[in-house]
Protein backbone atom coordinates (compact mmCIF):
# COMPACT_ATOMS: atom_id res chain seq x y z
CA MET A 1 -56.62 6.22 120.44
CA LYS A 2 -58.96 4.11 121.50
CA GLU A 3 -59.60 3.32 124.19
CA VAL A 4 -60.12 -0.08 126.19
CA GLY A 5 -63.77 -0.05 126.27
CA ASP A 6 -64.43 0.46 122.44
CA LEU A 7 -61.33 -2.31 121.93
CA LYS A 8 -63.50 -4.31 123.48
CA GLY A 9 -66.38 -3.62 122.22
CA MET A 10 -64.86 -4.52 118.60
CA LYS A 11 -63.72 -7.24 119.39
CA ALA A 12 -67.02 -8.57 120.58
CA GLU A 13 -69.00 -7.56 117.02
CA LYS A 14 -66.18 -9.23 115.17
CA SER A 15 -66.58 -12.37 117.66
CA GLN A 16 -70.47 -12.16 117.08
CA GLY A 17 -69.96 -12.13 113.52
CA SER A 18 -67.77 -15.04 113.39
CA LYS A 19 -70.47 -16.66 115.40
CA LEU A 20 -73.25 -16.28 113.76
CA LYS A 21 -71.59 -17.09 110.19
CA SER A 22 -70.35 -20.42 112.04
CA ILE A 23 -74.12 -21.16 112.80
CA ASP A 24 -75.29 -20.35 109.50
CA GLU A 25 -72.98 -22.46 108.01
CA ARG A 26 -73.86 -25.35 110.29
CA LYS A 27 -77.73 -24.15 110.11
CA HIS A 28 -77.21 -24.65 106.32
CA VAL A 29 -75.59 -28.46 106.32
CA LEU A 30 -78.36 -29.40 108.62
CA SER A 31 -80.83 -28.19 106.32
CA GLU A 32 -79.25 -30.17 103.56
CA GLN A 33 -79.47 -33.64 105.30
CA LEU A 34 -82.87 -33.08 106.37
CA SER A 35 -83.79 -32.55 102.56
CA GLN A 36 -81.90 -35.50 101.54
CA MET A 37 -83.96 -37.90 103.94
CA ARG A 38 -86.82 -39.70 102.99
CA LEU A 39 -89.96 -38.58 104.21
CA PRO A 40 -92.47 -41.01 105.77
CA GLU A 41 -95.46 -41.96 103.68
CA ILE A 42 -98.77 -40.19 104.96
CA ILE A 43 -101.22 -42.97 105.82
CA VAL A 44 -104.76 -41.60 105.24
CA PRO A 45 -107.48 -43.69 106.44
CA LYS A 46 -110.19 -45.05 104.01
CA PHE A 47 -113.01 -45.58 106.10
CA ASN A 48 -115.32 -43.69 108.72
CA LEU A 49 -116.66 -44.85 111.98
CA SER A 50 -119.30 -43.08 113.60
CA HIS A 51 -119.49 -42.02 116.94
CA GLN A 52 -122.54 -44.83 117.37
CA GLU A 53 -119.91 -47.72 116.22
CA VAL A 54 -117.82 -46.79 118.05
CA GLY A 55 -119.66 -46.20 121.26
CA GLU A 56 -121.35 -49.63 121.01
CA LYS A 57 -117.84 -51.97 120.58
CA THR A 58 -115.84 -49.91 123.62
CA ILE A 59 -114.86 -51.86 126.56
C-alpha cells in the first residue's frame, strides 16, 4: 500500500504535466497568431548628418 506522501507526489507530477501541456498549447497558439501578424516596414534613413551640421543647428 502506498503512503499518503507518495500519492501526493504522484498527483503533483500529474498536475504539473497537465499544466505544462496547457502552457505549451497556449504558446503554440500565440506563436501562430504572431506569425500571421504583419510586421512593420523597417525604415532605413538614406541621408547622413555629421555632428558639426547638427551642432550648429540645435537650439
